[in-house]
């Protein structure tokens, strides 16, 4: 019989007490693959980047350890030696850890080596035992600690997960240590400032996401904008920090685009999309293309909006949201057809007159513009004479609309727009 790889497997384990008294029924697991064998390893988590291994008996294990503190509440064994200067309260450290209960196969809490915990030793929420343990280490060191409940979870514990008076074993690896940047107002020229700025940026980003979910869009915008400004002002030390900066800028700009569209500020959305284009995150991102198209539709740039939506559909052909926006774009374009204003039968040839048909078209266009909730800005075409422009401004005053000459082009595709900006007119609600 091959003891390493059985040919059959039981659905459930055997109960020995029943086996010697009332008997047991054996249920064969038909789905068991007899081509594979699994053996129990002494360090089951190494393959998954966890550190440490289970401890069967704390009493036996304790004999291998040395006390760290005078009361012996924290005991230690060095597994891998570290080096450098001793830690102090002025350090910010990166540590990987795994915590085990006695005779428990899996850790109850852990981090992976590639995603360590980053903490400031002078200001953190570490349990006292873990704090004492970390402060006893050098950079590069990995050690195992037996931590008393008195410096961990206390007499009561945290039922049901943590039992009362529960001692535990902690494996710790000290990966990195830097001098913590000064507290107070951030000096963006200060060395080692990026870690501190990045921490603040992550908090602002998380806060903005929560505010967005609660529909507090203006407050979310403030959080995202502050994070963007901090990243732009921060002094970068290397290409790695630059890559992280770019990653978070993309996330922040995308969220800003969403929020600006929610509060009907499409011009700012277009500015944000210009930044995303600079970061090479516009033309290959259907979410950004969608938000850009939505903003362009709201400012009456229908052709440019359609181009963005068509490209977004290449990445996600069956995206219902993009298809709905495309239909809305077409309906909005049909209801606000500015091109009729320069029709040869409508527009006057004289610079000193605006005929009745032109006036009727303007009245109808502005009425549709005001009633259309999907538009907040409309750009009228060039080629109008002075009298026609004067009549448009007169109607805008009556309808409580803003009207001015276009001074800035928010389109990304400048080659699409060959007309001088000063010849166009913008209407704003």
Protein backbone atom coordinates (compact mmCIF):
# COMPACT_ATOMS: atom_id res chain seq x y z
CA UNK A 1 0.00 0.00 0.00
CA UNK A 2 1.31 3.42 -0.92
CA UNK A 3 1.06 5.46 2.26
CA UNK A 4 2.10 8.69 0.56
CA UNK A 5 -0.64 8.81 -2.01
CA UNK A 6 -3.86 6.86 -1.28
CA UNK A 7 -6.07 5.72 -4.11
CA UNK A 8 -9.28 6.73 -2.34
CA UNK A 9 -10.29 9.52 0.01
CA UNK A 10 -12.99 9.71 2.66
CA UNK A 11 -15.62 12.43 2.52
CA UNK A 12 -15.32 12.95 6.30
CA UNK A 13 -12.73 11.87 8.85
CA UNK A 14 -13.18 8.86 11.13
CA UNK A 15 -14.52 9.22 14.66
CA UNK A 16 -12.45 6.68 16.62
CA UNK A 17 -14.94 6.53 19.52
CA UNK A 18 -17.72 5.49 17.14
CA UNK A 19 -15.40 3.12 15.30
CA UNK A 20 -14.80 1.00 18.44
CA UNK A 21 -18.42 1.20 19.73
CA UNK A 22 -21.36 1.73 17.35
CA UNK A 23 -19.30 1.63 14.16
CA UNK A 24 -18.83 4.16 11.36
CA UNK A 25 -20.07 4.50 7.78
CA UNK A 26 -17.37 5.32 5.26
CA UNK A 27 -18.28 7.88 2.55
CA UNK A 28 -15.93 7.86 -0.43
CA UNK A 29 -15.10 11.21 -2.06
CA UNK A 30 -15.65 10.45 -5.75
CA UNK A 31 -14.23 13.81 -6.82
CA UNK A 32 -10.81 13.12 -5.32
CA UNK A 33 -7.97 13.29 -7.83
CA UNK A 34 -5.68 10.38 -7.14
CA UNK A 35 -2.99 11.87 -9.38
CA UNK A 36 -2.04 14.47 -6.78
CA UNK A 37 -0.51 14.02 -3.34
CA UNK A 38 -0.39 16.59 -0.58
CA UNK A 39 2.01 16.37 2.35
CA UNK A 40 2.07 18.55 5.43
CA UNK A 41 5.04 20.90 5.50
CA UNK A 42 6.60 22.41 8.57
CA UNK A 43 6.40 25.95 7.10
CA UNK A 44 3.14 25.99 5.11
CA UNK A 45 3.06 29.74 4.47
CA UNK A 46 6.50 30.19 2.89
CA UNK A 47 5.09 29.70 -0.58
CA UNK A 48 2.60 32.51 0.04
CA UNK A 49 5.14 35.02 1.35
CA UNK A 50 4.00 34.72 4.94
CA UNK A 51 6.70 34.53 7.56
CA UNK A 52 6.96 32.16 10.49
CA UNK A 53 5.39 28.83 11.37
CA UNK A 54 2.93 27.49 13.96
CA UNK A 55 4.07 26.75 17.52
CA UNK A 56 2.53 23.70 19.15
CA UNK A 57 3.52 24.37 22.76
CA UNK A 58 4.40 27.82 24.12
CA UNK A 59 5.89 26.25 27.30
CA UNK A 60 8.44 24.27 25.32
CA UNK A 61 9.06 27.12 22.87
CA UNK A 62 9.72 29.58 25.71
CA UNK A 63 12.90 27.70 26.66
CA UNK A 64 14.56 28.90 23.42
CA UNK A 65 13.85 32.61 24.03
CA UNK A 66 15.53 35.52 25.79
CA UNK A 67 13.61 38.30 27.61
CA UNK A 68 13.51 41.74 26.01
CA UNK A 69 11.99 43.71 28.89
CA UNK A 70 12.72 43.52 32.61
CA UNK A 71 9.44 41.76 33.42
CA UNK A 72 9.86 39.11 30.72
CA UNK A 73 6.54 39.95 29.09
CA UNK A 74 8.26 40.07 25.68
CA UNK A 75 10.66 37.23 24.87
CA UNK A 76 12.71 36.91 21.69
CA UNK A 77 14.76 34.68 19.44
CA UNK A 78 16.68 36.11 16.48
CA UNK A 79 16.20 34.05 13.30
CA UNK A 80 18.07 36.32 10.86
CA UNK A 81 20.59 38.93 12.01
CA UNK A 82 20.12 42.59 11.06
CA UNK A 83 22.46 45.56 11.13
CA UNK A 84 22.81 49.31 11.30
CA UNK A 85 21.86 51.73 14.05
CA UNK A 86 19.36 50.90 16.77
CA UNK A 87 15.82 52.20 16.28
CA UNK A 88 14.43 55.22 18.09
CA UNK A 89 11.12 57.05 18.39
CA UNK A 90 12.24 59.23 15.46
CA UNK A 91 12.01 56.29 13.02
CA UNK A 92 9.33 55.23 10.59
CA UNK A 93 9.66 51.52 9.88
CA UNK A 94 8.32 48.96 7.41
CA UNK A 95 7.67 45.54 8.98
CA UNK A 96 6.20 42.25 7.83
CA UNK A 97 4.60 40.12 10.54
CA UNK A 98 2.54 37.05 11.31
CA UNK A 99 0.82 36.34 14.63
CA UNK A 100 -0.08 32.82 15.84
CA UNK A 101 -2.08 31.41 18.74
CA UNK A 102 -0.75 28.34 20.51
CA UNK A 103 -1.23 25.13 18.53
CA UNK A 104 -3.04 26.95 15.70
CA UNK A 105 -2.00 26.03 12.17
CA UNK A 106 -2.80 29.38 10.49
CA UNK A 107 -1.84 32.92 11.60
CA UNK A 108 -4.69 35.00 13.01
CA UNK A 109 -3.12 38.20 11.62
CA UNK A 110 -0.38 38.82 9.07
CA UNK A 111 1.08 40.96 6.31
CA UNK A 112 2.92 39.75 3.23
CA UNK A 113 6.55 40.59 2.60
CA UNK A 114 5.69 42.69 -0.45
CA UNK A 115 3.05 44.66 1.46
CA UNK A 116 4.59 45.49 4.84
CA UNK A 117 3.07 47.59 7.58
CA UNK A 118 4.51 51.13 7.69
CA UNK A 119 4.41 52.80 11.12
CA UNK A 120 5.87 55.81 12.86
CA UNK A 121 7.30 54.56 16.16
CA UNK A 122 6.45 57.86 17.84
CA UNK A 123 2.80 57.98 16.82
CA UNK A 124 0.93 54.77 16.00
CA UNK A 125 -1.73 52.37 17.18
CA UNK A 126 0.55 49.40 17.81
CA UNK A 127 -0.12 47.12 20.74
CA UNK A 128 2.52 47.64 23.48
CA UNK A 129 4.05 44.20 23.01
CA UNK A 130 4.50 44.67 19.27
CA UNK A 131 5.97 48.15 19.85
CA UNK A 132 8.53 46.77 22.33
CA UNK A 133 9.38 43.94 19.95
CA UNK A 134 9.99 46.19 16.95
CA UNK A 135 12.13 48.64 18.95
CA UNK A 136 14.45 45.74 19.93
CA UNK A 137 15.28 44.98 16.26
CA UNK A 138 17.79 46.13 13.63
CA UNK A 139 17.09 46.65 9.92
CA UNK A 140 17.09 43.35 8.03
CA UNK A 141 16.47 41.32 11.17
CA UNK A 142 13.79 38.66 11.46
CA UNK A 143 12.89 37.47 14.93
CA UNK A 144 10.19 35.52 16.73
CA UNK A 145 8.61 36.85 19.91
CA UNK A 146 6.46 35.30 22.61
CA UNK A 147 4.18 38.11 23.79
CA UNK A 148 2.27 38.03 27.07
CA UNK A 149 -1.43 38.90 27.08
CA UNK A 150 -0.53 41.70 29.52
CA UNK A 151 1.15 43.67 26.71
CA UNK A 152 -1.24 42.49 23.98
CA UNK A 153 -5.01 42.02 24.31
CA UNK A 154 -5.33 42.05 28.10
CA UNK A 155 -7.31 39.96 30.57
CA UNK A 156 -10.58 40.17 28.64
CA UNK A 157 -9.29 39.63 25.10
CA UNK A 158 -11.66 40.41 22.22
CA UNK A 159 -14.19 37.53 22.14
CA UNK A 160 -14.85 35.47 20.14
CA UNK A 161 -11.73 35.94 18.02
CA UNK A 162 -9.31 36.55 20.89
CA UNK A 163 -9.66 34.54 24.09
CA UNK A 164 -9.13 36.05 27.56
CA UNK A 165 -5.51 36.10 28.73
CA UNK A 166 -4.29 34.96 25.32
CA UNK A 167 -0.53 34.87 24.83
CA UNK A 168 0.67 34.82 21.23
CA UNK A 169 3.74 34.34 19.06
CA UNK A 170 4.71 37.09 16.62
CA UNK A 171 7.19 36.72 13.79
CA UNK A 172 8.56 40.10 12.73
CA UNK A 173 10.87 41.12 9.87
CA UNK A 174 12.17 44.69 9.89
CA UNK A 175 12.47 45.59 6.22
CA UNK A 176 13.18 49.32 6.26
CA UNK A 177 13.69 52.29 8.58
CA UNK A 178 13.89 56.02 7.83
CA UNK A 179 14.03 59.13 9.96
CA UNK A 180 10.47 60.39 10.31
CA UNK A 181 10.01 63.80 8.62
CA UNK A 182 9.27 66.69 10.94
CA UNK A 183 5.73 67.14 12.17
CA UNK A 184 3.67 70.25 11.59
CA UNK A 185 3.46 72.07 8.29
CA UNK A 186 5.03 70.04 5.52
CA UNK A 187 8.23 71.41 4.03
CA UNK A 188 8.03 70.04 0.48
CA UNK A 189 11.78 70.50 -0.06
CA UNK A 190 12.63 68.34 2.97
CA UNK A 191 14.47 65.02 2.31
CA UNK A 192 12.45 61.83 2.85
CA UNK A 193 9.25 63.86 2.55
CA UNK A 194 7.57 61.65 -0.06
CA UNK A 195 6.52 58.93 2.40
CA UNK A 196 4.81 61.50 4.60
CA UNK A 197 3.12 63.21 1.66
CA UNK A 198 1.99 59.86 0.25
CA UNK A 199 0.45 58.96 3.60
CA UNK A 200 -1.53 62.21 3.60
CA UNK A 201 -2.54 61.68 -0.04
CA UNK A 202 -3.89 58.20 0.74
CA UNK A 203 -5.96 59.60 3.60
CA UNK A 204 -7.33 62.39 1.40
CA UNK A 205 -8.11 59.92 -1.38
CA UNK A 206 -9.99 57.59 0.99
CA UNK A 207 -11.88 60.54 2.45
CA UNK A 208 -12.82 61.76 -1.04
CA UNK A 209 -14.14 58.33 -2.03
CA UNK A 210 -16.34 58.19 1.08
CA UNK A 211 -17.62 61.72 0.43
CA UNK A 212 -18.40 60.81 -3.19
CA UNK A 213 -20.37 57.74 -2.10
CA UNK A 214 -22.39 59.96 0.27
CA UNK A 215 -23.03 62.38 -2.66
CA UNK A 216 -21.09 65.20 -1.01
CA UNK A 217 -19.37 65.96 -4.29
CA UNK A 218 -17.97 69.41 -3.51
CA UNK A 219 -16.27 68.14 -0.34
CA UNK A 220 -14.92 65.17 -2.30
CA UNK A 221 -13.51 67.57 -4.92
CA UNK A 222 -11.73 69.53 -2.21
CA UNK A 223 -10.10 66.35 -0.86
CA UNK A 224 -8.99 65.16 -4.31
CA UNK A 225 -7.67 68.61 -5.30
CA UNK A 226 -5.66 68.96 -2.10
CA UNK A 227 -4.10 65.55 -2.69
CA UNK A 228 -3.22 66.50 -6.29
CA UNK A 229 -1.58 69.74 -5.16
CA UNK A 230 0.48 67.92 -2.53
CA UNK A 231 1.75 65.39 -5.06
CA UNK A 232 2.74 68.10 -7.53
CA UNK A 233 4.63 70.06 -4.88
CA UNK A 234 6.42 67.06 -3.38
CA UNK A 235 10.13 66.60 -3.90
CA UNK A 236 10.86 63.23 -5.54
CA UNK A 237 14.01 61.25 -4.81
CA UNK A 238 13.99 58.66 -7.61
CA UNK A 239 12.07 57.08 -10.47
CA UNK A 240 10.23 54.75 -8.11
CA UNK A 241 8.67 57.70 -6.27
CA UNK A 242 7.86 59.31 -9.62
CA UNK A 243 6.00 56.16 -10.70
CA UNK A 244 3.99 56.12 -7.47
CA UNK A 245 3.22 59.82 -7.87
CA UNK A 246 1.92 59.25 -11.41
CA UNK A 247 -0.20 56.28 -10.28
CA UNK A 248 -1.98 58.32 -7.62
CA UNK A 249 -2.35 61.36 -9.87
CA UNK A 250 -4.23 59.20 -12.37
CA UNK A 251 -6.57 57.88 -9.69
CA UNK A 252 -7.20 61.36 -8.28
CA UNK A 253 -7.79 62.97 -11.68
CA UNK A 254 -10.28 60.25 -12.68
CA UNK A 255 -12.24 60.81 -9.48
CA UNK A 256 -12.13 64.57 -10.02
CA UNK A 257 -13.55 64.11 -13.53
CA UNK A 258 -16.44 62.08 -12.14
CA UNK A 259 -17.18 64.61 -9.39
CA UNK A 260 -16.97 67.66 -11.67
CA UNK A 261 -19.48 66.07 -14.02
CA UNK A 262 -21.79 65.35 -11.08
CA UNK A 263 -21.82 69.02 -10.06
CA UNK A 264 -22.22 70.21 -13.67
CA UNK A 265 -18.76 71.75 -14.06
CA UNK A 266 -17.80 70.20 -17.41
CA UNK A 267 -15.08 72.75 -18.24
CA UNK A 268 -13.12 71.61 -15.20
CA UNK A 269 -13.69 68.01 -16.24
CA UNK A 270 -12.09 68.83 -19.59
CA UNK A 271 -9.10 70.40 -17.86
CA UNK A 272 -8.69 67.26 -15.73
CA UNK A 273 -8.92 65.09 -18.85
CA UNK A 274 -6.17 67.18 -20.43
CA UNK A 275 -4.00 66.26 -17.44
CA UNK A 276 -4.89 62.59 -17.84
CA UNK A 277 -3.97 62.86 -21.51
CA UNK A 278 -0.59 64.27 -20.45
CA UNK A 279 -0.18 61.24 -18.16
CA UNK A 280 -1.04 58.93 -21.09
CA UNK A 281 -4.22 57.75 -19.41
CA UNK A 282 -6.96 59.09 -21.67
CA UNK A 283 -7.02 57.29 -25.00
CA UNK A 284 -6.55 53.84 -23.47
CA UNK A 285 -9.09 54.18 -20.64
CA UNK A 286 -12.78 53.84 -21.47
CA UNK A 287 -13.85 55.28 -18.10
CA UNK A 288 -11.91 58.50 -18.73
CA UNK A 289 -13.11 58.68 -22.33
CA UNK A 290 -16.69 58.34 -21.08
CA UNK A 291 -16.31 61.14 -18.53
CA UNK A 292 -14.59 63.36 -21.10
CA UNK A 293 -17.38 62.74 -23.62
CA UNK A 294 -20.01 63.48 -21.00
CA UNK A 295 -18.37 66.83 -20.24
CA UNK A 296 -18.00 67.68 -23.93
CA UNK A 297 -21.66 66.91 -24.48
CA UNK A 298 -22.60 69.26 -21.64
CA UNK A 299 -20.65 72.11 -23.27
CA UNK A 300 -22.14 71.44 -26.69
CA UNK A 301 -19.03 69.92 -28.28
CA UNK A 302 -21.06 67.11 -29.77
CA UNK A 303 -18.69 65.92 -32.48
CA UNK A 304 -15.73 65.70 -30.11
CA UNK A 305 -17.91 63.90 -27.54
CA UNK A 306 -19.00 61.35 -30.12
CA UNK A 307 -15.37 60.69 -31.08
CA UNK A 308 -14.51 59.90 -27.44
CA UNK A 309 -17.51 57.60 -27.05
CA UNK A 310 -16.74 55.73 -30.27
CA UNK A 311 -13.21 55.11 -29.03
CA UNK A 312 -14.49 54.00 -25.61
CA UNK A 313 -16.71 51.43 -27.33
CA UNK A 314 -13.61 49.84 -28.87
CA UNK A 315 -12.48 48.86 -25.38
CA UNK A 316 -15.95 47.92 -24.13
CA UNK A 317 -18.33 47.27 -27.05
CA UNK A 318 -21.32 46.20 -24.91
CA UNK A 319 -21.01 48.85 -22.21
CA UNK A 320 -24.61 49.97 -21.54
CA UNK A 321 -23.52 53.21 -19.91
CA UNK A 322 -21.51 54.28 -22.97
CA UNK A 323 -24.34 53.31 -25.33
CA UNK A 324 -26.85 55.29 -23.25
CA UNK A 325 -24.58 58.35 -23.33
CA UNK A 326 -24.26 57.99 -27.11
CA UNK A 327 -28.07 58.02 -27.47
CA UNK A 328 -28.36 60.99 -25.12
CA UNK A 329 -25.70 62.81 -27.12
CA UNK A 330 -27.66 62.33 -30.34
CA UNK A 331 -30.92 63.55 -28.80
CA UNK A 332 -29.20 66.58 -27.31
CA UNK A 333 -27.53 67.40 -30.61
CA UNK A 334 -30.86 67.21 -32.44
CA UNK A 335 -32.64 69.47 -29.95
CA UNK A 336 -29.92 72.15 -30.08
CA UNK A 337 -28.95 72.37 -33.73
CA UNK A 338 -26.77 75.49 -33.86
CA UNK A 339 -25.91 75.02 -37.52
CA UNK A 340 -29.34 76.35 -38.55
CA UNK A 341 -28.28 79.81 -37.41
CA UNK A 342 -25.89 80.17 -40.36
CA UNK A 343 -28.21 78.61 -42.94
CA UNK A 344 -28.29 80.77 -46.06
CA UNK A 345 -32.03 81.27 -45.68
CA UNK A 346 -31.78 82.28 -42.02
CA UNK A 347 -28.66 84.38 -41.54
CA UNK A 348 -28.64 87.87 -43.06
CA UNK A 349 -26.01 89.01 -45.53
CA UNK A 350 -26.02 92.51 -44.11
CA UNK A 351 -23.89 93.37 -41.07
CA UNK A 352 -26.66 95.61 -39.76
CA UNK A 353 -29.68 93.33 -39.62
CA UNK A 354 -31.05 90.09 -38.21
CA UNK A 355 -34.10 88.84 -40.10
CA UNK A 356 -37.23 87.41 -38.52
CA UNK A 357 -36.38 83.81 -39.38
CA UNK A 358 -33.00 84.17 -37.66
CA UNK A 359 -34.69 85.66 -34.59
CA UNK A 360 -37.16 82.77 -34.45
CA UNK A 361 -34.34 80.24 -34.70
CA UNK A 362 -32.44 81.99 -31.89
CA UNK A 363 -35.55 82.07 -29.69
CA UNK A 364 -36.16 78.35 -30.30
CA UNK A 365 -32.52 77.40 -29.77
CA UNK A 366 -32.18 79.28 -26.50
CA UNK A 367 -35.51 77.93 -25.24
CA UNK A 368 -34.36 74.35 -25.94
CA UNK A 369 -31.00 75.09 -24.35
CA UNK A 370 -32.58 76.31 -21.11
CA UNK A 371 -34.98 73.38 -20.91
CA UNK A 372 -32.35 70.75 -21.67
CA UNK A 373 -30.96 69.45 -18.36
CA UNK A 374 -28.15 67.69 -20.22
CA UNK A 375 -26.53 70.95 -21.33
CA UNK A 376 -24.94 73.69 -19.28
CA UNK A 377 -22.97 75.42 -22.03
CA UNK A 378 -23.57 75.86 -25.74
CA UNK A 379 -21.11 77.21 -28.29
CA UNK A 380 -22.71 79.01 -31.21
CA UNK A 381 -21.07 78.72 -34.63
CA UNK A 382 -18.95 81.47 -36.24
CA UNK A 383 -20.06 83.55 -39.22
CA UNK A 384 -22.72 85.72 -37.52
CA UNK A 385 -22.86 89.44 -38.21
CA UNK A 386 -22.85 92.19 -35.60
CA UNK A 387 -26.65 92.59 -35.55
CA UNK A 388 -27.19 88.85 -35.09
CA UNK A 389 -24.68 88.70 -32.26
CA UNK A 390 -26.39 91.71 -30.69
CA UNK A 391 -29.78 89.98 -30.84
CA UNK A 392 -28.36 86.81 -29.25
CA UNK A 393 -26.96 88.86 -26.37
CA UNK A 394 -30.29 90.66 -25.97
CA UNK A 395 -32.19 87.37 -25.68
CA UNK A 396 -29.63 86.03 -23.21
CA UNK A 397 -30.18 89.04 -20.94
CA UNK A 398 -33.94 88.43 -21.01
CA UNK A 399 -33.51 84.71 -20.27
CA UNK A 400 -30.92 85.30 -17.52
CA UNK A 401 -28.13 83.55 -19.44
CA UNK A 402 -24.44 84.41 -19.61
CA UNK A 403 -23.05 85.13 -23.05
CA UNK A 404 -19.44 85.83 -24.02
CA UNK A 405 -16.84 85.23 -26.70
CA UNK A 406 -14.92 81.98 -26.43
CA UNK A 407 -11.49 82.71 -24.99
CA UNK A 408 -10.15 79.21 -24.34
CA UNK A 409 -10.48 75.94 -26.21
CA UNK A 410 -10.93 72.92 -23.94
CA UNK A 411 -10.79 70.35 -26.72
CA UNK A 412 -7.88 67.94 -26.69
CA UNK A 413 -7.92 67.58 -30.48
CA UNK A 414 -6.97 71.09 -31.51
CA UNK A 415 -6.67 70.11 -35.17
CA UNK A 416 -10.44 69.54 -35.25
CA UNK A 417 -11.12 73.19 -34.65
CA UNK A 418 -9.68 75.51 -37.32
CA UNK A 419 -11.95 78.50 -36.59
CA UNK A 420 -10.48 81.48 -34.67
CA UNK A 421 -11.79 81.40 -31.09
CA UNK A 422 -12.80 85.06 -31.06
CA UNK A 423 -15.46 84.39 -33.74
CA UNK A 424 -17.38 81.97 -31.53
CA UNK A 425 -19.91 82.72 -28.80
CA UNK A 426 -20.57 80.74 -25.63
CA UNK A 427 -23.88 80.59 -23.77
CA UNK A 428 -23.87 79.57 -20.10
CA UNK A 429 -26.72 78.69 -17.80
